[in-house]
Amino acid sequence: MHNNSSNLLNRLSRFIAGAAMIWLLIFVALPWAQKLPVINPIMEIITEADLDANQYFYTQSEETYQAESRIKFRLEQAKR
């Protein structure tokens, strides 16, 4: 009986630790990463052009091609 309660406590603590890691990733790490010099210009372009960034998951869609073209063009313009 004692083994079952310690097993449950172990599983519960791992679940809580995993949920805390996911929370930290979503609410701390990702917002911080958006401010990195490599990612920030791309995020600004996506925001300014009102692009649907979710389209990047659908690589064969027309929206993906248009969004990628705009981002590449704006990054080239920023380099000049």
N, C-alpha and C. Protein backbone atom coordinates (compact mmCIF):
# COMPACT_ATOMS: atom_id res chain seq x y z
N MET A 1 0.82 -1.19 0.00
CA MET A 1 0.00 0.00 0.00
C MET A 1 0.86 1.26 0.00
N HIS A 2 1.94 1.23 0.75
CA HIS A 2 2.83 2.38 0.82
C HIS A 2 3.48 2.66 -0.54
N ASN A 3 3.77 1.60 -1.30
CA ASN A 3 4.40 1.73 -2.60
C ASN A 3 3.48 2.45 -3.59
N ASN A 4 2.18 2.19 -3.53
CA ASN A 4 1.23 2.84 -4.43
C ASN A 4 1.15 4.33 -4.19
N SER A 5 1.14 4.75 -2.92
CA SER A 5 1.04 6.18 -2.62
C SER A 5 2.32 6.91 -3.03
N SER A 6 3.48 6.29 -2.83
CA SER A 6 4.73 6.95 -3.25
C SER A 6 4.82 6.98 -4.77
N ASN A 7 4.31 5.95 -5.46
CA ASN A 7 4.29 5.93 -6.91
C ASN A 7 3.37 7.03 -7.44
N LEU A 8 2.22 7.20 -6.83
CA LEU A 8 1.29 8.25 -7.22
C LEU A 8 1.90 9.62 -6.99
N LEU A 9 2.53 9.80 -5.85
CA LEU A 9 3.18 11.07 -5.53
C LEU A 9 4.31 11.37 -6.52
N ASN A 10 5.07 10.37 -6.91
CA ASN A 10 6.14 10.52 -7.88
C ASN A 10 5.58 10.94 -9.24
N ARG A 11 4.52 10.27 -9.68
CA ARG A 11 3.90 10.61 -10.96
C ARG A 11 3.30 12.00 -10.94
N LEU A 12 2.66 12.35 -9.83
CA LEU A 12 2.06 13.67 -9.71
C LEU A 12 3.13 14.76 -9.72
N SER A 13 4.22 14.54 -9.04
CA SER A 13 5.29 15.55 -9.01
C SER A 13 5.92 15.71 -10.40
N ARG A 14 6.05 14.61 -11.15
CA ARG A 14 6.58 14.72 -12.52
C ARG A 14 5.60 15.45 -13.42
N PHE A 15 4.31 15.21 -13.22
CA PHE A 15 3.31 15.93 -14.00
C PHE A 15 3.36 17.43 -13.72
N ILE A 16 3.44 17.80 -12.46
CA ILE A 16 3.50 19.22 -12.09
C ILE A 16 4.78 19.86 -12.63
N ALA A 17 5.90 19.16 -12.56
CA ALA A 17 7.16 19.68 -13.10
C ALA A 17 7.06 19.87 -14.61
N GLY A 18 6.45 18.93 -15.31
CA GLY A 18 6.28 19.05 -16.75
C GLY A 18 5.36 20.20 -17.11
N ALA A 19 4.26 20.36 -16.40
CA ALA A 19 3.34 21.47 -16.64
C ALA A 19 4.03 22.81 -16.37
N ALA A 20 4.86 22.87 -15.34
CA ALA A 20 5.59 24.11 -15.04
C ALA A 20 6.59 24.43 -16.15
N MET A 21 7.24 23.40 -16.70
CA MET A 21 8.17 23.64 -17.81
C MET A 21 7.45 24.17 -19.05
N ILE A 22 6.30 23.60 -19.35
CA ILE A 22 5.53 24.08 -20.50
C ILE A 22 5.09 25.52 -20.27
N TRP A 23 4.63 25.84 -19.06
CA TRP A 23 4.21 27.20 -18.73
C TRP A 23 5.38 28.17 -18.90
N LEU A 24 6.56 27.79 -18.38
CA LEU A 24 7.74 28.64 -18.52
C LEU A 24 8.11 28.85 -19.98
N LEU A 25 8.01 27.82 -20.77
CA LEU A 25 8.32 27.94 -22.19
C LEU A 25 7.38 28.91 -22.88
N ILE A 26 6.08 28.78 -22.63
CA ILE A 26 5.09 29.61 -23.31
C ILE A 26 5.13 31.06 -22.83
N PHE A 27 5.22 31.28 -21.54
CA PHE A 27 5.06 32.63 -21.00
C PHE A 27 6.36 33.34 -20.67
N VAL A 28 7.49 32.63 -20.69
CA VAL A 28 8.78 33.28 -20.37
C VAL A 28 9.75 33.16 -21.53
N ALA A 29 10.05 31.94 -21.95
CA ALA A 29 11.09 31.72 -22.96
C ALA A 29 10.70 32.26 -24.33
N LEU A 30 9.49 31.97 -24.80
CA LEU A 30 9.10 32.41 -26.13
C LEU A 30 8.98 33.94 -26.24
N PRO A 31 8.36 34.63 -25.29
CA PRO A 31 8.36 36.10 -25.39
C PRO A 31 9.77 36.69 -25.34
N TRP A 32 10.65 36.11 -24.54
CA TRP A 32 12.03 36.59 -24.50
C TRP A 32 12.72 36.34 -25.83
N ALA A 33 12.49 35.19 -26.43
CA ALA A 33 13.15 34.84 -27.70
C ALA A 33 12.71 35.76 -28.83
N GLN A 34 11.51 36.30 -28.76
CA GLN A 34 11.03 37.22 -29.80
C GLN A 34 11.85 38.50 -29.84
N LYS A 35 12.56 38.81 -28.78
CA LYS A 35 13.35 40.03 -28.71
C LYS A 35 14.80 39.82 -29.14
N LEU A 36 15.17 38.60 -29.49
CA LEU A 36 16.53 38.32 -29.94
C LEU A 36 16.79 39.02 -31.27
N PRO A 37 18.01 39.50 -31.50
CA PRO A 37 18.30 40.24 -32.72
C PRO A 37 18.05 39.45 -34.01
N VAL A 38 18.11 38.16 -33.95
CA VAL A 38 17.88 37.35 -35.14
C VAL A 38 16.39 37.24 -35.44
N ILE A 39 15.57 37.16 -34.42
CA ILE A 39 14.14 36.93 -34.59
C ILE A 39 13.34 38.22 -34.61
N ASN A 40 13.76 39.24 -33.91
CA ASN A 40 12.99 40.47 -33.78
C ASN A 40 12.64 41.11 -35.12
N PRO A 41 13.57 41.25 -36.08
CA PRO A 41 13.17 41.86 -37.36
C PRO A 41 12.07 41.07 -38.08
N ILE A 42 12.14 39.76 -38.01
CA ILE A 42 11.12 38.94 -38.65
C ILE A 42 9.77 39.13 -37.95
N MET A 43 9.78 39.18 -36.63
CA MET A 43 8.55 39.39 -35.88
C MET A 43 7.94 40.76 -36.21
N GLU A 44 8.77 41.78 -36.35
CA GLU A 44 8.27 43.10 -36.70
C GLU A 44 7.63 43.11 -38.08
N ILE A 45 8.26 42.43 -39.03
CA ILE A 45 7.70 42.36 -40.39
C ILE A 45 6.36 41.64 -40.38
N ILE A 46 6.30 40.54 -39.67
CA ILE A 46 5.05 39.78 -39.59
C ILE A 46 3.94 40.64 -38.98
N THR A 47 4.27 41.39 -37.95
CA THR A 47 3.28 42.24 -37.29
C THR A 47 2.87 43.40 -38.19
N GLU A 48 3.85 44.09 -38.81
CA GLU A 48 3.55 45.24 -39.66
C GLU A 48 2.72 44.85 -40.88
N ALA A 49 3.06 43.72 -41.50
CA ALA A 49 2.36 43.29 -42.71
C ALA A 49 1.07 42.54 -42.41
N ASP A 50 0.78 42.34 -41.14
CA ASP A 50 -0.41 41.61 -40.71
C ASP A 50 -0.49 40.25 -41.39
N LEU A 51 0.64 39.53 -41.35
CA LEU A 51 0.72 38.20 -41.95
C LEU A 51 0.21 37.16 -40.97
N ASP A 52 -0.35 36.09 -41.50
CA ASP A 52 -0.79 34.98 -40.67
C ASP A 52 0.38 34.02 -40.52
N ALA A 53 1.12 34.15 -39.42
CA ALA A 53 2.33 33.35 -39.22
C ALA A 53 2.01 31.86 -39.10
N ASN A 54 0.79 31.52 -38.78
CA ASN A 54 0.42 30.10 -38.69
C ASN A 54 0.49 29.41 -40.05
N GLN A 55 0.47 30.17 -41.12
CA GLN A 55 0.53 29.57 -42.45
C GLN A 55 1.86 28.88 -42.70
N TYR A 56 2.88 29.18 -41.92
CA TYR A 56 4.16 28.51 -42.10
C TYR A 56 4.07 27.01 -41.84
N PHE A 57 3.06 26.58 -41.12
CA PHE A 57 2.89 25.15 -40.89
C PHE A 57 2.36 24.44 -42.13
N TYR A 58 1.76 25.21 -43.02
CA TYR A 58 1.18 24.64 -44.24
C TYR A 58 2.03 25.10 -45.42
N THR A 59 3.12 24.41 -45.65
CA THR A 59 4.14 24.88 -46.57
C THR A 59 3.72 24.89 -48.02
N GLN A 60 2.64 24.25 -48.38
CA GLN A 60 2.22 24.23 -49.77
C GLN A 60 1.15 25.28 -50.07
N SER A 61 0.80 26.10 -49.12
CA SER A 61 -0.26 27.07 -49.36
C SER A 61 0.27 28.33 -50.02
N GLU A 62 -0.60 29.02 -50.71
CA GLU A 62 -0.25 30.27 -51.39
C GLU A 62 0.13 31.35 -50.36
N GLU A 63 -0.54 31.36 -49.23
CA GLU A 63 -0.25 32.35 -48.19
C GLU A 63 1.17 32.20 -47.67
N THR A 64 1.65 30.97 -47.58
CA THR A 64 3.01 30.73 -47.12
C THR A 64 4.00 31.34 -48.08
N TYR A 65 3.79 31.13 -49.36
CA TYR A 65 4.69 31.70 -50.37
C TYR A 65 4.68 33.22 -50.30
N GLN A 66 3.51 33.81 -50.19
CA GLN A 66 3.42 35.27 -50.13
C GLN A 66 4.09 35.82 -48.87
N ALA A 67 3.84 35.18 -47.74
CA ALA A 67 4.44 35.64 -46.48
C ALA A 67 5.96 35.51 -46.53
N GLU A 68 6.45 34.38 -47.03
CA GLU A 68 7.89 34.18 -47.12
C GLU A 68 8.53 35.20 -48.05
N SER A 69 7.88 35.49 -49.16
CA SER A 69 8.41 36.48 -50.10
C SER A 69 8.48 37.86 -49.47
N ARG A 70 7.43 38.23 -48.76
CA ARG A 70 7.43 39.55 -48.10
C ARG A 70 8.53 39.66 -47.06
N ILE A 71 8.68 38.62 -46.26
CA ILE A 71 9.69 38.65 -45.21
C ILE A 71 11.09 38.72 -45.81
N LYS A 72 11.35 37.91 -46.82
CA LYS A 72 12.67 37.95 -47.47
C LYS A 72 12.94 39.32 -48.08
N PHE A 73 11.93 39.90 -48.76
CA PHE A 73 12.10 41.21 -49.37
C PHE A 73 12.38 42.28 -48.32
N ARG A 74 11.61 42.27 -47.24
CA ARG A 74 11.80 43.29 -46.19
C ARG A 74 13.14 43.14 -45.50
N LEU A 75 13.61 41.90 -45.29
CA LEU A 75 14.92 41.70 -44.68
C LEU A 75 16.03 42.18 -45.60
N GLU A 76 15.88 41.96 -46.91
CA GLU A 76 16.87 42.47 -47.86
C GLU A 76 16.88 43.99 -47.86
N GLN A 77 15.70 44.60 -47.80
CA GLN A 77 15.61 46.06 -47.76
C GLN A 77 16.25 46.62 -46.50
N ALA A 78 16.09 45.93 -45.39
CA ALA A 78 16.65 46.40 -44.12
C ALA A 78 18.17 46.32 -44.12
N LYS A 79 18.74 45.41 -44.88
CA LYS A 79 20.19 45.28 -44.94
C LYS A 79 20.83 46.43 -45.71
N ARG A 80 20.09 47.06 -46.60
CA ARG A 80 20.66 48.13 -47.45
C ARG A 80 20.77 49.43 -46.74
